[in-house]
PDB file of all heavy atoms in Angstrom:
ATOM      1  N   LEU A   1     112.862 104.943 105.292  1.00  0.00           N
ATOM      2  CA  LEU A   1     111.629 104.343 104.764  1.00  0.00           C
ATOM      3  C   LEU A   1     111.839 103.813 103.354  1.00  0.00           C
ATOM      4  O   LEU A   1     111.392 102.716 103.024  1.00  0.00           O
ATOM      5  CB  LEU A   1     110.497 105.371 104.747  1.00  0.00           C
ATOM      6  CG  LEU A   1     109.754 105.589 106.040  1.00  0.00           C
ATOM      7  CD1 LEU A   1     108.675 106.648 105.838  1.00  0.00           C
ATOM      8  CD2 LEU A   1     109.146 104.315 106.555  1.00  0.00           C
ATOM      9  N   GLU A   2     112.510 104.593 102.541  1.00  0.00           N
ATOM     10  CA  GLU A   2     112.760 104.167 101.171  1.00  0.00           C
ATOM     11  C   GLU A   2     113.558 102.864 101.161  1.00  0.00           C
ATOM     12  O   GLU A   2     113.247 101.944 100.403  1.00  0.00           O
ATOM     13  CB  GLU A   2     113.507 105.263 100.430  1.00  0.00           C
ATOM     14  CG  GLU A   2     113.596 105.031  98.954  1.00  0.00           C
ATOM     15  CD  GLU A   2     114.223 106.212  98.252  1.00  0.00           C
ATOM     16  OE1 GLU A   2     113.822 107.359  98.510  1.00  0.00           O
ATOM     17  OE2 GLU A   2     115.121 105.957  97.431  1.00  0.00           O
ATOM     18  N   ALA A   3     114.565 102.770 102.014  1.00  0.00           N
ATOM     19  CA  ALA A   3     115.362 101.539 102.101  1.00  0.00           C
ATOM     20  C   ALA A   3     114.508 100.370 102.573  1.00  0.00           C
ATOM     21  O   ALA A   3     114.574  99.270 102.013  1.00  0.00           O
ATOM     22  CB  ALA A   3     116.551 101.750 103.036  1.00  0.00           C
ATOM     23  N   ALA A   4     113.691 100.600 103.587  1.00  0.00           N
ATOM     24  CA  ALA A   4     112.844  99.528 104.117  1.00  0.00           C
ATOM     25  C   ALA A   4     111.856  99.039 103.063  1.00  0.00           C
ATOM     26  O   ALA A   4     111.645  97.838 102.900  1.00  0.00           O
ATOM     27  CB  ALA A   4     112.102 100.002 105.361  1.00  0.00           C
ATOM     28  N   LEU A   5     111.262  99.956 102.339  1.00  0.00           N
ATOM     29  CA  LEU A   5     110.310  99.569 101.302  1.00  0.00           C
ATOM     30  C   LEU A   5     111.010  98.813 100.177  1.00  0.00           C
ATOM     31  O   LEU A   5     110.515  97.799  99.700  1.00  0.00           O
ATOM     32  CB  LEU A   5     109.605 100.801 100.741  1.00  0.00           C
ATOM     33  CG  LEU A   5     108.665 101.513 101.700  1.00  0.00           C
ATOM     34  CD1 LEU A   5     108.164 102.811 101.092  1.00  0.00           C
ATOM     35  CD2 LEU A   5     107.509 100.635 102.085  1.00  0.00           C
ATOM     36  N   SER A   6     112.165  99.308  99.767  1.00  0.00           N
ATOM     37  CA  SER A   6     112.894  98.701  98.654  1.00  0.00           C
ATOM     38  C   SER A   6     113.465  97.332  98.992  1.00  0.00           C
ATOM     39  O   SER A   6     113.580  96.476  98.120  1.00  0.00           O
ATOM     40  CB  SER A   6     114.039  99.621  98.216  1.00  0.00           C
ATOM     41  OG  SER A   6     113.531 100.827  97.734  1.00  0.00           O
ATOM     42  N   VAL A   7     113.818  97.128 100.243  1.00  0.00           N
ATOM     43  CA  VAL A   7     114.460  95.878 100.644  1.00  0.00           C
ATOM     44  C   VAL A   7     113.462  94.864 101.192  1.00  0.00           C
ATOM     45  O   VAL A   7     113.481  93.698 100.806  1.00  0.00           O
ATOM     46  CB  VAL A   7     115.554  96.155 101.707  1.00  0.00           C
ATOM     47  CG1 VAL A   7     116.105  94.871 102.287  1.00  0.00           C
ATOM     48  CG2 VAL A   7     116.664  96.998 101.099  1.00  0.00           C
ATOM     49  N   GLU A   8     112.581  95.290 102.079  1.00  0.00           N
ATOM     50  CA  GLU A   8     111.731  94.349 102.799  1.00  0.00           C
ATOM     51  C   GLU A   8     110.316  94.203 102.240  1.00  0.00           C
ATOM     52  O   GLU A   8     109.730  93.134 102.322  1.00  0.00           O
ATOM     53  CB  GLU A   8     111.666  94.726 104.276  1.00  0.00           C
ATOM     54  CG  GLU A   8     113.014  94.565 104.937  1.00  0.00           C
ATOM     55  CD  GLU A   8     113.084  95.104 106.346  1.00  0.00           C
ATOM     56  OE1 GLU A   8     112.150  95.809 106.790  1.00  0.00           O
ATOM     57  OE2 GLU A   8     114.088  94.823 107.006  1.00  0.00           O
ATOM     58  N   LEU A   9     109.779  95.258 101.669  1.00  0.00           N
ATOM     59  CA  LEU A   9     108.397  95.168 101.200  1.00  0.00           C
ATOM     60  C   LEU A   9     108.290  94.774  99.734  1.00  0.00           C
ATOM     61  O   LEU A   9     107.305  94.143  99.343  1.00  0.00           O
ATOM     62  CB  LEU A   9     107.665  96.486 101.430  1.00  0.00           C
ATOM     63  CG  LEU A   9     107.325  96.768 102.881  1.00  0.00           C
ATOM     64  CD1 LEU A   9     106.630  98.107 103.014  1.00  0.00           C
ATOM     65  CD2 LEU A   9     106.447  95.678 103.447  1.00  0.00           C
ATOM     66  N   ILE A  10     109.251  95.114  98.944  1.00  0.00           N
ATOM     67  CA  ILE A  10     109.166  94.883  97.512  1.00  0.00           C
ATOM     68  C   ILE A  10     108.909  93.418  97.174  1.00  0.00           C
ATOM     69  O   ILE A  10     108.221  93.107  96.214  1.00  0.00           O
ATOM     70  CB  ILE A  10     110.416  95.434  96.795  1.00  0.00           C
ATOM     71  CG1 ILE A  10     110.140  95.648  95.319  1.00  0.00           C
ATOM     72  CG2 ILE A  10     111.618  94.549  97.007  1.00  0.00           C
ATOM     73  CD1 ILE A  10     109.294  96.834  95.032  1.00  0.00           C
ATOM     74  N   GLU A  11     109.444  92.500  97.990  1.00  0.00           N
ATOM     75  CA  GLU A  11     109.266  91.071  97.756  1.00  0.00           C
ATOM     76  C   GLU A  11     108.168  90.461  98.631  1.00  0.00           C
ATOM     77  O   GLU A  11     107.899  89.269  98.532  1.00  0.00           O
ATOM     78  CB  GLU A  11     110.582  90.330  98.008  1.00  0.00           C
ATOM     79  CG  GLU A  11     111.727  90.762  97.114  1.00  0.00           C
ATOM     80  CD  GLU A  11     111.496  90.435  95.642  1.00  0.00           C
ATOM     81  OE1 GLU A  11     110.845  89.411  95.353  1.00  0.00           O
ATOM     82  OE2 GLU A  11     111.962  91.195  94.785  1.00  0.00           O
ATOM     83  N   GLN A  12     107.547  91.253  99.487  1.00  0.00           N
ATOM     84  CA  GLN A  12     106.538  90.745 100.406  1.00  0.00           C
ATOM     85  C   GLN A  12     105.268  90.356  99.644  1.00  0.00           C
ATOM     86  O   GLN A  12     104.684  91.185  98.942  1.00  0.00           O
ATOM     87  CB  GLN A  12     106.208  91.812 101.458  1.00  0.00           C
ATOM     88  CG  GLN A  12     105.180  91.396 102.473  1.00  0.00           C
ATOM     89  CD  GLN A  12     105.685  90.317 103.422  1.00  0.00           C
ATOM     90  OE1 GLN A  12     106.871  90.209 103.680  1.00  0.00           O
ATOM     91  NE2 GLN A  12     104.774  89.525 103.930  1.00  0.00           N
ATOM     92  N   PRO A  13     104.827  89.105  99.761  1.00  0.00           N
ATOM     93  CA  PRO A  13     103.586  88.710  99.088  1.00  0.00           C
ATOM     94  C   PRO A  13     102.420  89.607  99.525  1.00  0.00           C
ATOM     95  O   PRO A  13     102.240  89.892 100.700  1.00  0.00           O
ATOM     96  CB  PRO A  13     103.367  87.269  99.564  1.00  0.00           C
ATOM     97  CG  PRO A  13     104.731  86.790  99.928  1.00  0.00           C
ATOM     98  CD  PRO A  13     105.444  87.992 100.494  1.00  0.00           C
ATOM     99  N   GLY A  14     101.682  90.085  98.543  1.00  0.00           N
ATOM    100  CA  GLY A  14     100.519  90.922  98.833  1.00  0.00           C
ATOM    101  C   GLY A  14     100.807  92.408  98.891  1.00  0.00           C
ATOM    102  O   GLY A  14      99.880  93.213  98.923  1.00  0.00           O
ATOM    103  N   PHE A  15     102.084  92.794  98.884  1.00  0.00           N
ATOM    104  CA  PHE A  15     102.418  94.215  98.829  1.00  0.00           C
ATOM    105  C   PHE A  15     102.257  94.673  97.390  1.00  0.00           C
ATOM    106  O   PHE A  15     102.799  94.072  96.473  1.00  0.00           O
ATOM    107  CB  PHE A  15     103.851  94.459  99.303  1.00  0.00           C
ATOM    108  CG  PHE A  15     104.313  95.883  99.116  1.00  0.00           C
ATOM    109  CD1 PHE A  15     103.810  96.891  99.906  1.00  0.00           C
ATOM    110  CD2 PHE A  15     105.255  96.196  98.148  1.00  0.00           C
ATOM    111  CE1 PHE A  15     104.229  98.204  99.736  1.00  0.00           C
ATOM    112  CE2 PHE A  15     105.680  97.498  97.975  1.00  0.00           C
ATOM    113  CZ  PHE A  15     105.175  98.506  98.766  1.00  0.00           C
ATOM    114  N   VAL A  16     101.480  95.730  97.181  1.00  0.00           N
ATOM    115  CA  VAL A  16     101.227  96.217  95.830  1.00  0.00           C
ATOM    116  C   VAL A  16     102.126  97.397  95.512  1.00  0.00           C
ATOM    117  O   VAL A  16     102.871  97.380  94.542  1.00  0.00           O
ATOM    118  CB  VAL A  16      99.739  96.591  95.648  1.00  0.00           C
ATOM    119  CG1 VAL A  16      99.492  97.196  94.266  1.00  0.00           C
ATOM    120  CG2 VAL A  16      98.853  95.373  95.877  1.00  0.00           C
ATOM    121  N   SER A  17     102.077  98.440  96.332  1.00  0.00           N
ATOM    122  CA  SER A  17     102.895  99.617  96.057  1.00  0.00           C
ATOM    123  C   SER A  17     102.979 100.506  97.286  1.00  0.00           C
ATOM    124  O   SER A  17     102.146 100.430  98.185  1.00  0.00           O
ATOM    125  CB  SER A  17     102.315 100.426  94.887  1.00  0.00           C
ATOM    126  OG  SER A  17     101.092 101.033  95.274  1.00  0.00           O
ATOM    127  N   GLY A  18     103.993 101.349  97.281  1.00  0.00           N
ATOM    128  CA  GLY A  18     104.154 102.326  98.346  1.00  0.00           C
ATOM    129  C   GLY A  18     104.702 103.625  97.780  1.00  0.00           C
ATOM    130  O   GLY A  18     105.513 103.613  96.852  1.00  0.00           O
ATOM    131  N   ASN A  19     104.233 104.724  98.297  1.00  0.00           N
ATOM    132  CA  ASN A  19     104.695 106.044  97.889  1.00  0.00           C
ATOM    133  C   ASN A  19     104.985 106.847  99.143  1.00  0.00           C
ATOM    134  O   ASN A  19     104.204 106.805 100.103  1.00  0.00           O
ATOM    135  CB  ASN A  19     103.628 106.762  97.061  1.00  0.00           C
ATOM    136  CG  ASN A  19     103.366 106.057  95.750  1.00  0.00           C
ATOM    137  OD1 ASN A  19     104.047 106.281  94.783  1.00  0.00           O
ATOM    138  ND2 ASN A  19     102.379 105.173  95.747  1.00  0.00           N
ATOM    139  N   ILE A  20     106.087 107.559  99.126  1.00  0.00           N
ATOM    140  CA  ILE A  20     106.480 108.370 100.284  1.00  0.00           C
ATOM    141  C   ILE A  20     106.460 109.826  99.861  1.00  0.00           C
ATOM    142  O   ILE A  20     106.987 110.182  98.805  1.00  0.00           O
ATOM    143  CB  ILE A  20     107.882 107.981 100.785  1.00  0.00           C
ATOM    144  CG1 ILE A  20     107.926 106.496 101.147  1.00  0.00           C
ATOM    145  CG2 ILE A  20     108.273 108.843 101.986  1.00  0.00           C
ATOM    146  CD1 ILE A  20     109.328 105.973 101.420  1.00  0.00           C
ATOM    147  N   HIS A  21     105.860 110.648 100.684  1.00  0.00           N
ATOM    148  CA  HIS A  21     105.763 112.086 100.420  1.00  0.00           C
ATOM    149  C   HIS A  21     106.336 112.831 101.620  1.00  0.00           C
ATOM    150  O   HIS A  21     105.954 112.542 102.755  1.00  0.00           O
ATOM    151  CB  HIS A  21     104.298 112.505 100.243  1.00  0.00           C
ATOM    152  CG  HIS A  21     103.557 111.688  99.241  1.00  0.00           C
ATOM    153  ND1 HIS A  21     103.424 112.062  97.931  1.00  0.00           N
ATOM    154  CD2 HIS A  21     102.927 110.496  99.373  1.00  0.00           C
ATOM    155  CE1 HIS A  21     102.723 111.131  97.285  1.00  0.00           C
ATOM    156  NE2 HIS A  21     102.416 110.184  98.138  1.00  0.00           N
ATOM    157  N   ARG A  22     107.216 113.791 101.370  1.00  0.00           N
ATOM    158  CA  ARG A  22     107.745 114.596 102.468  1.00  0.00           C
ATOM    159  C   ARG A  22     107.021 115.939 102.474  1.00  0.00           C
ATOM    160  O   ARG A  22     106.783 116.538 101.429  1.00  0.00           O
ATOM    161  CB  ARG A  22     109.246 114.791 102.354  1.00  0.00           C
ATOM    162  CG  ARG A  22     109.695 115.588 101.165  1.00  0.00           C
ATOM    163  CD  ARG A  22     111.211 115.796 101.160  1.00  0.00           C
ATOM    164  NE  ARG A  22     111.613 116.524  99.975  1.00  0.00           N
ATOM    165  CZ  ARG A  22     111.567 117.843  99.846  1.00  0.00           C
ATOM    166  NH1 ARG A  22     111.130 118.592 100.847  1.00  0.00           N
ATOM    167  NH2 ARG A  22     111.933 118.420  98.728  1.00  0.00           N
ATOM    168  N   SER A  23     106.665 116.389 103.646  1.00  0.00           N
ATOM    169  CA  SER A  23     105.996 117.675 103.792  1.00  0.00           C
ATOM    170  C   SER A  23     106.988 118.789 103.471  1.00  0.00           C
ATOM    171  O   SER A  23     108.160 118.711 103.818  1.00  0.00           O
ATOM    172  CB  SER A  23     105.492 117.838 105.223  1.00  0.00           C
ATOM    173  OG  SER A  23     104.986 119.141 105.410  1.00  0.00           O
ATOM    174  N   LEU A  24     106.486 119.831 102.820  1.00  0.00           N
ATOM    175  CA  LEU A  24     107.325 120.984 102.507  1.00  0.00           C
ATOM    176  C   LEU A  24     107.250 122.053 103.584  1.00  0.00           C
ATOM    177  O   LEU A  24     108.047 122.987 103.581  1.00  0.00           O
ATOM    178  CB  LEU A  24     106.912 121.582 101.155  1.00  0.00           C
ATOM    179  CG  LEU A  24     107.036 120.635  99.961  1.00  0.00           C
ATOM    180  CD1 LEU A  24     106.524 121.321  98.697  1.00  0.00           C
ATOM    181  CD2 LEU A  24     108.466 120.153  99.783  1.00  0.00           C
ATOM    182  N   ASP A  25     106.300 121.917 104.526  1.00  0.00           N
ATOM    183  CA  ASP A  25     106.150 122.944 105.552  1.00  0.00           C
ATOM    184  C   ASP A  25     106.310 122.418 106.974  1.00  0.00           C
ATOM    185  O   ASP A  25     106.022 123.127 107.935  1.00  0.00           O
ATOM    186  CB  ASP A  25     104.802 123.660 105.402  1.00  0.00           C
ATOM    187  CG  ASP A  25     103.609 122.751 105.675  1.00  0.00           C
ATOM    188  OD1 ASP A  25     103.806 121.533 105.872  1.00  0.00           O
ATOM    189  OD2 ASP A  25     102.475 123.272 105.699  1.00  0.00           O
ATOM    190  N   SER A  26     106.734 121.164 107.105  1.00  0.00           N
ATOM    191  CA  SER A  26     106.945 120.577 108.430  1.00  0.00           C
ATOM    192  C   SER A  26     107.860 119.369 108.266  1.00  0.00           C
ATOM    193  O   SER A  26     108.328 119.083 107.169  1.00  0.00           O
ATOM    194  CB  SER A  26     105.615 120.155 109.059  1.00  0.00           C
ATOM    195  OG  SER A  26     105.074 119.045 108.356  1.00  0.00           O
ATOM    196  N   ASP A  27     108.090 118.643 109.346  1.00  0.00           N
ATOM    197  CA  ASP A  27     108.920 117.446 109.287  1.00  0.00           C
ATOM    198  C   ASP A  27     108.113 116.189 108.982  1.00  0.00           C
ATOM    199  O   ASP A  27     108.664 115.094 108.967  1.00  0.00           O
ATOM    200  CB  ASP A  27     109.668 117.251 110.621  1.00  0.00           C
ATOM    201  CG  ASP A  27     110.846 118.198 110.761  1.00  0.00           C
ATOM    202  OD1 ASP A  27     111.402 118.624 109.728  1.00  0.00           O
ATOM    203  OD2 ASP A  27     111.225 118.495 111.903  1.00  0.00           O
ATOM    204  N   HIS A  28     106.818 116.313 108.742  1.00  0.00           N
ATOM    205  CA  HIS A  28     105.975 115.140 108.509  1.00  0.00           C
ATOM    206  C   HIS A  28     106.352 114.405 107.225  1.00  0.00           C
ATOM    207  O   HIS A  28     106.846 114.988 106.267  1.00  0.00           O
ATOM    208  CB  HIS A  28     104.495 115.539 108.447  1.00  0.00           C
ATOM    209  CG  HIS A  28     103.974 115.999 109.752  1.00  0.00           C
ATOM    210  ND1 HIS A  28     103.874 117.323 110.082  1.00  0.00           N
ATOM    211  CD2 HIS A  28     103.551 115.304 110.822  1.00  0.00           C
ATOM    212  CE1 HIS A  28     103.399 117.428 111.308  1.00  0.00           C
ATOM    213  NE2 HIS A  28     103.191 116.211 111.784  1.00  0.00           N
ATOM    214  N   VAL A  29     106.071 113.107 107.238  1.00  0.00           N
ATOM    215  CA  VAL A  29     106.260 112.243 106.082  1.00  0.00           C
ATOM    216  C   VAL A  29     104.985 111.414 105.947  1.00  0.00           C
ATOM    217  O   VAL A  29     104.501 110.857 106.932  1.00  0.00           O
ATOM    218  CB  VAL A  29     107.488 111.317 106.272  1.00  0.00           C
ATOM    219  CG1 VAL A  29     107.610 110.343 105.113  1.00  0.00           C
ATOM    220  CG2 VAL A  29     108.763 112.138 106.436  1.00  0.00           C
TER     221      VAL A  29
END
């Protein structure tokens, strides 16, 4: 996800920001 955001979304018109959070008690992101 970090790679996709950094490569494909960072230059996408209208994309403002993205934050990724990993769960500490499960595999969720």
